[in-house]
Amino acid sequence: LRLSCAASGFTLDYYAIGWFRQAPGKEREGVSCIS
């Protein structure tokens, strides 16, 4: 699968972005990030 994260109202150029996931009954965990 390919997930997309689209931003509106601001420019992603100036932001670091992270992907997280949360399974039922579990804490949210970090998956990946890009500087």
PDB file of all heavy atoms in Angstrom:
ATOM      1  N   LEU A   1       0.853  -1.176   0.000  1.00  0.00           N
ATOM      2  CA  LEU A   1       0.000   0.000   0.000  1.00  0.00           C
ATOM      3  C   LEU A   1       0.892   1.231   0.000  1.00  0.00           C
ATOM      4  O   LEU A   1       2.011   1.194   0.534  1.00  0.00           O
ATOM      5  CB  LEU A   1      -0.902   0.047   1.231  1.00  0.00           C
ATOM      6  CG  LEU A   1      -2.100  -0.879   1.306  1.00  0.00           C
ATOM      7  CD1 LEU A   1      -2.746  -0.785   2.690  1.00  0.00           C
ATOM      8  CD2 LEU A   1      -3.126  -0.561   0.225  1.00  0.00           C
ATOM      9  N   ARG A   2       0.382   2.314  -0.537  1.00  0.00           N
ATOM     10  CA  ARG A   2       1.074   3.593  -0.433  1.00  0.00           C
ATOM     11  C   ARG A   2       0.156   4.594   0.255  1.00  0.00           C
ATOM     12  O   ARG A   2      -0.913   4.924  -0.269  1.00  0.00           O
ATOM     13  CB  ARG A   2       1.509   4.139  -1.789  1.00  0.00           C
ATOM     14  CG  ARG A   2       2.399   5.379  -1.646  1.00  0.00           C
ATOM     15  CD  ARG A   2       2.914   5.909  -2.962  1.00  0.00           C
ATOM     16  NE  ARG A   2       1.908   6.680  -3.676  1.00  0.00           N
ATOM     17  CZ  ARG A   2       2.199   7.590  -4.604  1.00  0.00           C
ATOM     18  NH1 ARG A   2       3.480   7.834  -4.914  1.00  0.00           N
ATOM     19  NH2 ARG A   2       1.246   8.251  -5.235  1.00  0.00           N
ATOM     20  N   LEU A   3       0.580   5.055   1.390  1.00  0.00           N
ATOM     21  CA  LEU A   3      -0.166   6.073   2.122  1.00  0.00           C
ATOM     22  C   LEU A   3       0.306   7.455   1.701  1.00  0.00           C
ATOM     23  O   LEU A   3       1.485   7.657   1.444  1.00  0.00           O
ATOM     24  CB  LEU A   3       0.021   5.895   3.625  1.00  0.00           C
ATOM     25  CG  LEU A   3      -0.329   4.536   4.218  1.00  0.00           C
ATOM     26  CD1 LEU A   3      -0.175   4.580   5.734  1.00  0.00           C
ATOM     27  CD2 LEU A   3      -1.706   4.092   3.825  1.00  0.00           C
ATOM     28  N   SER A   4      -0.634   8.378   1.660  1.00  0.00           N
ATOM     29  CA  SER A   4      -0.322   9.767   1.348  1.00  0.00           C
ATOM     30  C   SER A   4      -0.717  10.649   2.520  1.00  0.00           C
ATOM     31  O   SER A   4      -1.701  10.372   3.214  1.00  0.00           O
ATOM     32  CB  SER A   4      -1.080  10.227   0.094  1.00  0.00           C
ATOM     33  OG  SER A   4      -0.722   9.470  -1.029  1.00  0.00           O
ATOM     34  N   CYS A   5       0.040  11.690   2.708  1.00  0.00           N
ATOM     35  CA  CYS A   5      -0.245  12.694   3.742  1.00  0.00           C
ATOM     36  C   CYS A   5      -0.187  14.046   3.050  1.00  0.00           C
ATOM     37  O   CYS A   5       0.901  14.544   2.735  1.00  0.00           O
ATOM     38  CB  CYS A   5       0.771  12.597   4.865  1.00  0.00           C
ATOM     39  SG  CYS A   5       0.662  13.907   6.101  1.00  0.00           S
ATOM     40  N   ALA A   6      -1.352  14.618   2.792  1.00  0.00           N
ATOM     41  CA  ALA A   6      -1.433  15.889   2.077  1.00  0.00           C
ATOM     42  C   ALA A   6      -1.667  17.027   3.059  1.00  0.00           C
ATOM     43  O   ALA A   6      -2.516  16.928   3.951  1.00  0.00           O
ATOM     44  CB  ALA A   6      -2.561  15.838   1.059  1.00  0.00           C
ATOM     45  N   ALA A   7      -0.901  18.081   2.873  1.00  0.00           N
ATOM     46  CA  ALA A   7      -1.012  19.236   3.759  1.00  0.00           C
ATOM     47  C   ALA A   7      -1.784  20.357   3.085  1.00  0.00           C
ATOM     48  O   ALA A   7      -1.671  20.571   1.877  1.00  0.00           O
ATOM     49  CB  ALA A   7       0.364  19.737   4.151  1.00  0.00           C
ATOM     50  N   SER A   8      -2.570  21.057   3.864  1.00  0.00           N
ATOM     51  CA  SER A   8      -3.240  22.264   3.381  1.00  0.00           C
ATOM     52  C   SER A   8      -3.111  23.336   4.446  1.00  0.00           C
ATOM     53  O   SER A   8      -3.079  23.050   5.635  1.00  0.00           O
ATOM     54  CB  SER A   8      -4.706  21.995   3.064  1.00  0.00           C
ATOM     55  OG  SER A   8      -5.397  21.568   4.223  1.00  0.00           O
ATOM     56  N   GLY A   9      -3.017  24.565   3.983  1.00  0.00           N
ATOM     57  CA  GLY A   9      -2.901  25.679   4.915  1.00  0.00           C
ATOM     58  C   GLY A   9      -1.470  25.981   5.322  1.00  0.00           C
ATOM     59  O   GLY A   9      -1.232  26.961   6.031  1.00  0.00           O
ATOM     60  N   PHE A  10      -0.540  25.162   4.908  1.00  0.00           N
ATOM     61  CA  PHE A  10       0.873  25.429   5.187  1.00  0.00           C
ATOM     62  C   PHE A  10       1.729  24.649   4.194  1.00  0.00           C
ATOM     63  O   PHE A  10       1.252  23.733   3.528  1.00  0.00           O
ATOM     64  CB  PHE A  10       1.248  25.081   6.632  1.00  0.00           C
ATOM     65  CG  PHE A  10       1.146  23.622   6.989  1.00  0.00           C
ATOM     66  CD1 PHE A  10       2.281  22.854   7.151  1.00  0.00           C
ATOM     67  CD2 PHE A  10      -0.090  23.022   7.180  1.00  0.00           C
ATOM     68  CE1 PHE A  10       2.186  21.520   7.498  1.00  0.00           C
ATOM     69  CE2 PHE A  10      -0.197  21.686   7.534  1.00  0.00           C
ATOM     70  CZ  PHE A  10       0.954  20.929   7.684  1.00  0.00           C
ATOM     71  N   THR A  11       3.000  25.045   4.116  1.00  0.00           N
ATOM     72  CA  THR A  11       3.920  24.435   3.159  1.00  0.00           C
ATOM     73  C   THR A  11       4.807  23.436   3.874  1.00  0.00           C
ATOM     74  O   THR A  11       5.512  23.785   4.823  1.00  0.00           O
ATOM     75  CB  THR A  11       4.785  25.517   2.497  1.00  0.00           C
ATOM     76  OG1 THR A  11       3.936  26.476   1.871  1.00  0.00           O
ATOM     77  CG2 THR A  11       5.709  24.907   1.463  1.00  0.00           C
ATOM     78  N   LEU A  12       4.787  22.193   3.403  1.00  0.00           N
ATOM     79  CA  LEU A  12       5.541  21.137   4.069  1.00  0.00           C
ATOM     80  C   LEU A  12       7.046  21.307   3.978  1.00  0.00           C
ATOM     81  O   LEU A  12       7.791  20.659   4.712  1.00  0.00           O
ATOM     82  CB  LEU A  12       5.151  19.772   3.505  1.00  0.00           C
ATOM     83  CG  LEU A  12       3.821  19.187   3.981  1.00  0.00           C
ATOM     84  CD1 LEU A  12       3.589  17.828   3.338  1.00  0.00           C
ATOM     85  CD2 LEU A  12       3.783  19.077   5.493  1.00  0.00           C
ATOM     86  N   ASP A  13       7.501  22.170   3.077  1.00  0.00           N
ATOM     87  CA  ASP A  13       8.949  22.380   2.904  1.00  0.00           C
ATOM     88  C   ASP A  13       9.643  22.671   4.227  1.00  0.00           C
ATOM     89  O   ASP A  13      10.797  22.302   4.418  1.00  0.00           O
ATOM     90  CB  ASP A  13       9.208  23.578   1.988  1.00  0.00           C
ATOM     91  CG  ASP A  13       8.645  23.407   0.603  1.00  0.00           C
ATOM     92  OD1 ASP A  13       7.549  22.838   0.492  1.00  0.00           O
ATOM     93  OD2 ASP A  13       9.290  23.846  -0.356  1.00  0.00           O
ATOM     94  N   TYR A  14       8.960  23.351   5.136  1.00  0.00           N
ATOM     95  CA  TYR A  14       9.592  23.816   6.358  1.00  0.00           C
ATOM     96  C   TYR A  14       9.337  22.892   7.546  1.00  0.00           C
ATOM     97  O   TYR A  14       9.626  23.241   8.684  1.00  0.00           O
ATOM     98  CB  TYR A  14       9.090  25.226   6.688  1.00  0.00           C
ATOM     99  CG  TYR A  14       9.322  26.195   5.568  1.00  0.00           C
ATOM    100  CD1 TYR A  14       8.272  26.621   4.756  1.00  0.00           C
ATOM    101  CD2 TYR A  14      10.598  26.674   5.288  1.00  0.00           C
ATOM    102  CE1 TYR A  14       8.481  27.498   3.709  1.00  0.00           C
ATOM    103  CE2 TYR A  14      10.816  27.553   4.241  1.00  0.00           C
ATOM    104  CZ  TYR A  14       9.756  27.963   3.454  1.00  0.00           C
ATOM    105  OH  TYR A  14       9.972  28.821   2.424  1.00  0.00           O
ATOM    106  N   TYR A  15       8.805  21.713   7.253  1.00  0.00           N
ATOM    107  CA  TYR A  15       8.378  20.824   8.321  1.00  0.00           C
ATOM    108  C   TYR A  15       9.039  19.451   8.227  1.00  0.00           C
ATOM    109  O   TYR A  15       9.261  18.933   7.125  1.00  0.00           O
ATOM    110  CB  TYR A  15       6.862  20.619   8.273  1.00  0.00           C
ATOM    111  CG  TYR A  15       6.079  21.837   8.670  1.00  0.00           C
ATOM    112  CD1 TYR A  15       5.977  22.930   7.824  1.00  0.00           C
ATOM    113  CD2 TYR A  15       5.446  21.897   9.908  1.00  0.00           C
ATOM    114  CE1 TYR A  15       5.268  24.058   8.202  1.00  0.00           C
ATOM    115  CE2 TYR A  15       4.723  23.017  10.286  1.00  0.00           C
ATOM    116  CZ  TYR A  15       4.640  24.092   9.425  1.00  0.00           C
ATOM    117  OH  TYR A  15       3.937  25.208   9.806  1.00  0.00           O
ATOM    118  N   ALA A  16       9.338  18.894   9.375  1.00  0.00           N
ATOM    119  CA  ALA A  16       9.661  17.467   9.443  1.00  0.00           C
ATOM    120  C   ALA A  16       8.343  16.713   9.551  1.00  0.00           C
ATOM    121  O   ALA A  16       7.389  17.188  10.183  1.00  0.00           O
ATOM    122  CB  ALA A  16      10.545  17.178  10.640  1.00  0.00           C
ATOM    123  N   ILE A  17       8.298  15.547   8.955  1.00  0.00           N
ATOM    124  CA  ILE A  17       7.068  14.749   8.908  1.00  0.00           C
ATOM    125  C   ILE A  17       7.319  13.367   9.491  1.00  0.00           C
ATOM    126  O   ILE A  17       8.331  12.733   9.196  1.00  0.00           O
ATOM    127  CB  ILE A  17       6.576  14.592   7.461  1.00  0.00           C
ATOM    128  CG1 ILE A  17       6.443  15.957   6.781  1.00  0.00           C
ATOM    129  CG2 ILE A  17       5.245  13.841   7.441  1.00  0.00           C
ATOM    130  CD1 ILE A  17       5.462  16.886   7.420  1.00  0.00           C
ATOM    131  N   GLY A  18       6.389  12.935  10.298  1.00  0.00           N
ATOM    132  CA  GLY A  18       6.475  11.592  10.857  1.00  0.00           C
ATOM    133  C   GLY A  18       5.250  10.774  10.535  1.00  0.00           C
ATOM    134  O   GLY A  18       4.162  11.318  10.333  1.00  0.00           O
ATOM    135  N   TRP A  19       5.440   9.480  10.462  1.00  0.00           N
ATOM    136  CA  TRP A  19       4.321   8.528  10.345  1.00  0.00           C
ATOM    137  C   TRP A  19       4.299   7.697  11.625  1.00  0.00           C
ATOM    138  O   TRP A  19       5.342   7.192  12.067  1.00  0.00           O
ATOM    139  CB  TRP A  19       4.487   7.596   9.155  1.00  0.00           C
ATOM    140  CG  TRP A  19       4.110   8.200   7.842  1.00  0.00           C
ATOM    141  CD1 TRP A  19       4.943   8.730   6.905  1.00  0.00           C
ATOM    142  CD2 TRP A  19       2.786   8.319   7.308  1.00  0.00           C
ATOM    143  NE1 TRP A  19       4.221   9.178   5.823  1.00  0.00           N
ATOM    144  CE2 TRP A  19       2.893   8.936   6.042  1.00  0.00           C
ATOM    145  CE3 TRP A  19       1.513   7.954   7.753  1.00  0.00           C
ATOM    146  CZ2 TRP A  19       1.790   9.202   5.228  1.00  0.00           C
ATOM    147  CZ3 TRP A  19       0.418   8.210   6.949  1.00  0.00           C
ATOM    148  CH2 TRP A  19       0.554   8.832   5.707  1.00  0.00           C
ATOM    149  N   PHE A  20       3.106   7.543  12.166  1.00  0.00           N
ATOM    150  CA  PHE A  20       2.882   6.768  13.377  1.00  0.00           C
ATOM    151  C   PHE A  20       1.754   5.785  13.123  1.00  0.00           C
ATOM    152  O   PHE A  20       0.997   5.934  12.168  1.00  0.00           O
ATOM    153  CB  PHE A  20       2.505   7.690  14.545  1.00  0.00           C
ATOM    154  CG  PHE A  20       3.604   8.640  14.940  1.00  0.00           C
ATOM    155  CD1 PHE A  20       3.840   9.798  14.202  1.00  0.00           C
ATOM    156  CD2 PHE A  20       4.385   8.391  16.049  1.00  0.00           C
ATOM    157  CE1 PHE A  20       4.853  10.670  14.550  1.00  0.00           C
ATOM    158  CE2 PHE A  20       5.397   9.255  16.418  1.00  0.00           C
ATOM    159  CZ  PHE A  20       5.635  10.403  15.669  1.00  0.00           C
ATOM    160  N   ARG A  21       1.631   4.801  13.980  1.00  0.00           N
ATOM    161  CA  ARG A  21       0.509   3.882  13.867  1.00  0.00           C
ATOM    162  C   ARG A  21       0.046   3.476  15.254  1.00  0.00           C
ATOM    163  O   ARG A  21       0.827   3.489  16.213  1.00  0.00           O
ATOM    164  CB  ARG A  21       0.885   2.655  13.041  1.00  0.00           C
ATOM    165  CG  ARG A  21       1.941   1.748  13.658  1.00  0.00           C
ATOM    166  CD  ARG A  21       2.329   0.659  12.669  1.00  0.00           C
ATOM    167  NE  ARG A  21       3.325  -0.261  13.217  1.00  0.00           N
ATOM    168  CZ  ARG A  21       3.907  -1.215  12.520  1.00  0.00           C
ATOM    169  NH1 ARG A  21       3.605  -1.379  11.233  1.00  0.00           N
ATOM    170  NH2 ARG A  21       4.789  -2.005  13.094  1.00  0.00           N
ATOM    171  N   GLN A  22      -1.225   3.095  15.311  1.00  0.00           N
ATOM    172  CA  GLN A  22      -1.801   2.663  16.579  1.00  0.00           C
ATOM    173  C   GLN A  22      -2.737   1.498  16.334  1.00  0.00           C
ATOM    174  O   GLN A  22      -3.738   1.634  15.627  1.00  0.00           O
ATOM    175  CB  GLN A  22      -2.541   3.810  17.259  1.00  0.00           C
ATOM    176  CG  GLN A  22      -2.983   3.487  18.672  1.00  0.00           C
ATOM    177  CD  GLN A  22      -3.399   4.730  19.440  1.00  0.00           C
ATOM    178  OE1 GLN A  22      -3.688   5.783  18.868  1.00  0.00           O
ATOM    179  NE2 GLN A  22      -3.414   4.627  20.764  1.00  0.00           N
ATOM    180  N   ALA A  23      -2.374   0.373  16.907  1.00  0.00           N
ATOM    181  CA  ALA A  23      -3.206  -0.816  16.823  1.00  0.00           C
ATOM    182  C   ALA A  23      -4.160  -0.837  18.020  1.00  0.00           C
ATOM    183  O   ALA A  23      -3.879  -0.222  19.049  1.00  0.00           O
ATOM    184  CB  ALA A  23      -2.335  -2.065  16.813  1.00  0.00           C
ATOM    185  N   PRO A  24      -5.285  -1.543  17.906  1.00  0.00           N
ATOM    186  CA  PRO A  24      -6.243  -1.603  19.013  1.00  0.00           C
ATOM    187  C   PRO A  24      -5.590  -2.069  20.307  1.00  0.00           C
ATOM    188  O   PRO A  24      -4.879  -3.077  20.320  1.00  0.00           O
ATOM    189  CB  PRO A  24      -7.288  -2.599  18.519  1.00  0.00           C
ATOM    190  CG  PRO A  24      -7.206  -2.526  17.043  1.00  0.00           C
ATOM    191  CD  PRO A  24      -5.760  -2.288  16.728  1.00  0.00           C
ATOM    192  N   GLY A  25      -5.800  -1.328  21.374  1.00  0.00           N
ATOM    193  CA  GLY A  25      -5.271  -1.715  22.669  1.00  0.00           C
ATOM    194  C   GLY A  25      -3.800  -1.431  22.875  1.00  0.00           C
ATOM    195  O   GLY A  25      -3.236  -1.789  23.912  1.00  0.00           O
ATOM    196  N   LYS A  26      -3.175  -0.782  21.896  1.00  0.00           N
ATOM    197  CA  LYS A  26      -1.745  -0.496  21.998  1.00  0.00           C
ATOM    198  C   LYS A  26      -1.496   1.007  21.927  1.00  0.00           C
ATOM    199  O   LYS A  26      -2.329   1.775  21.442  1.00  0.00           O
ATOM    200  CB  LYS A  26      -0.971  -1.200  20.889  1.00  0.00           C
ATOM    201  CG  LYS A  26      -0.999  -2.722  20.988  1.00  0.00           C
ATOM    202  CD  LYS A  26      -0.074  -3.346  19.973  1.00  0.00           C
ATOM    203  CE  LYS A  26      -0.034  -4.861  20.120  1.00  0.00           C
ATOM    204  NZ  LYS A  26       0.903  -5.487  19.137  1.00  0.00           N
ATOM    205  N   GLU A  27      -0.324   1.400  22.388  1.00  0.00           N
ATOM    206  CA  GLU A  27       0.054   2.804  22.318  1.00  0.00           C
ATOM    207  C   GLU A  27       0.453   3.163  20.883  1.00  0.00           C
ATOM    208  O   GLU A  27       0.845   2.307  20.095  1.00  0.00           O
ATOM    209  CB  GLU A  27       1.219   3.079  23.262  1.00  0.00           C
ATOM    210  CG  GLU A  27       0.867   2.964  24.732  1.00  0.00           C
ATOM    211  CD  GLU A  27       1.989   3.435  25.624  1.00  0.00           C
ATOM    212  OE1 GLU A  27       3.072   3.747  25.105  1.00  0.00           O
ATOM    213  OE2 GLU A  27       1.786   3.468  26.851  1.00  0.00           O
ATOM    214  N   ARG A  28       0.347   4.454  20.596  1.00  0.00           N
ATOM    215  CA  ARG A  28       0.782   4.937  19.288  1.00  0.00           C
ATOM    216  C   ARG A  28       2.308   4.801  19.200  1.00  0.00           C
ATOM    217  O   ARG A  28       3.021   5.201  20.124  1.00  0.00           O
ATOM    218  CB  ARG A  28       0.351   6.379  19.097  1.00  0.00           C
ATOM    219  CG  ARG A  28       0.499   6.893  17.692  1.00  0.00           C
ATOM    220  CD  ARG A  28      -0.198   8.225  17.508  1.00  0.00           C
ATOM    221  NE  ARG A  28      -1.636   8.130  17.726  1.00  0.00           N
ATOM    222  CZ  ARG A  28      -2.495   9.099  17.459  1.00  0.00           C
ATOM    223  NH1 ARG A  28      -2.057  10.246  16.960  1.00  0.00           N
ATOM    224  NH2 ARG A  28      -3.773   8.946  17.693  1.00  0.00           N
ATOM    225  N   GLU A  29       2.765   4.257  18.087  1.00  0.00           N
ATOM    226  CA  GLU A  29       4.199   4.050  17.927  1.00  0.00           C
ATOM    227  C   GLU A  29       4.701   4.728  16.661  1.00  0.00           C
ATOM    228  O   GLU A  29       3.991   4.824  15.658  1.00  0.00           O
ATOM    229  CB  GLU A  29       4.540   2.554  17.879  1.00  0.00           C
ATOM    230  CG  GLU A  29       3.961   1.808  16.706  1.00  0.00           C
ATOM    231  CD  GLU A  29       4.518   0.401  16.564  1.00  0.00           C
ATOM    232  OE1 GLU A  29       5.539   0.087  17.191  1.00  0.00           O
ATOM    233  OE2 GLU A  29       3.928  -0.373  15.785  1.00  0.00           O
ATOM    234  N   GLY A  30       5.950   5.171  16.726  1.00  0.00           N
ATOM    235  CA  GLY A  30       6.564   5.805  15.577  1.00  0.00           C
ATOM    236  C   GLY A  30       7.006   4.782  14.559  1.00  0.00           C
ATOM    237  O   GLY A  30       7.567   3.738  14.914  1.00  0.00           O
ATOM    238  N   VAL A  31       6.737   5.062  13.300  1.00  0.00           N
ATOM    239  CA  VAL A  31       7.076   4.156  12.209  1.00  0.00           C
ATOM    240  C   VAL A  31       8.259   4.696  11.411  1.00  0.00           C
ATOM    241  O   VAL A  31       9.227   3.982  11.154  1.00  0.00           O
ATOM    242  CB  VAL A  31       5.861   3.961  11.286  1.00  0.00           C
ATOM    243  CG1 VAL A  31       6.242   3.155  10.057  1.00  0.00           C
ATOM    244  CG2 VAL A  31       4.722   3.291  12.043  1.00  0.00           C
ATOM    245  N   SER A  32       8.159   5.966  11.030  1.00  0.00           N
ATOM    246  CA  SER A  32       9.182   6.554  10.166  1.00  0.00           C
ATOM    247  C   SER A  32       9.070   8.064  10.221  1.00  0.00           C
ATOM    248  O   SER A  32       8.044   8.610  10.642  1.00  0.00           O
ATOM    249  CB  SER A  32       8.974   6.070   8.721  1.00  0.00           C
ATOM    250  OG  SER A  32       9.949   6.614   7.849  1.00  0.00           O
ATOM    251  N   CYS A  33      10.133   8.735   9.831  1.00  0.00           N
ATOM    252  CA  CYS A  33      10.072  10.189   9.709  1.00  0.00           C
ATOM    253  C   CYS A  33      11.074  10.645   8.658  1.00  0.00           C
ATOM    254  O   CYS A  33      11.997   9.906   8.295  1.00  0.00           O
ATOM    255  CB  CYS A  33      10.317  10.886  11.045  1.00  0.00           C
ATOM    256  SG  CYS A  33      11.979  10.721  11.714  1.00  0.00           S
ATOM    257  N   ILE A  34      10.835  11.863   8.165  1.00  0.00           N
ATOM    258  CA  ILE A  34      11.714  12.454   7.170  1.00  0.00           C
ATOM    259  C   ILE A  34      11.991  13.892   7.583  1.00  0.00           C
ATOM    260  O   ILE A  34      11.081  14.641   7.930  1.00  0.00           O
ATOM    261  CB  ILE A  34      11.115  12.353   5.753  1.00  0.00           C
ATOM    262  CG1 ILE A  34      12.101  12.838   4.695  1.00  0.00           C
ATOM    263  CG2 ILE A  34       9.777  13.081   5.647  1.00  0.00           C
ATOM    264  CD1 ILE A  34      11.718  12.418   3.274  1.00  0.00           C
ATOM    265  N   SER A  35      13.272  14.257   7.549  1.00  0.00           N
ATOM    266  CA  SER A  35      13.676  15.579   8.008  1.00  0.00           C
ATOM    267  C   SER A  35      13.311  16.641   6.984  1.00  0.00           C
ATOM    268  O   SER A  35      12.968  16.342   5.842  1.00  0.00           O
ATOM    269  CB  SER A  35      15.188  15.584   8.272  1.00  0.00           C
ATOM    270  OG  SER A  35      15.508  14.626   9.255  1.00  0.00           O
TER     271      SER A  35
END
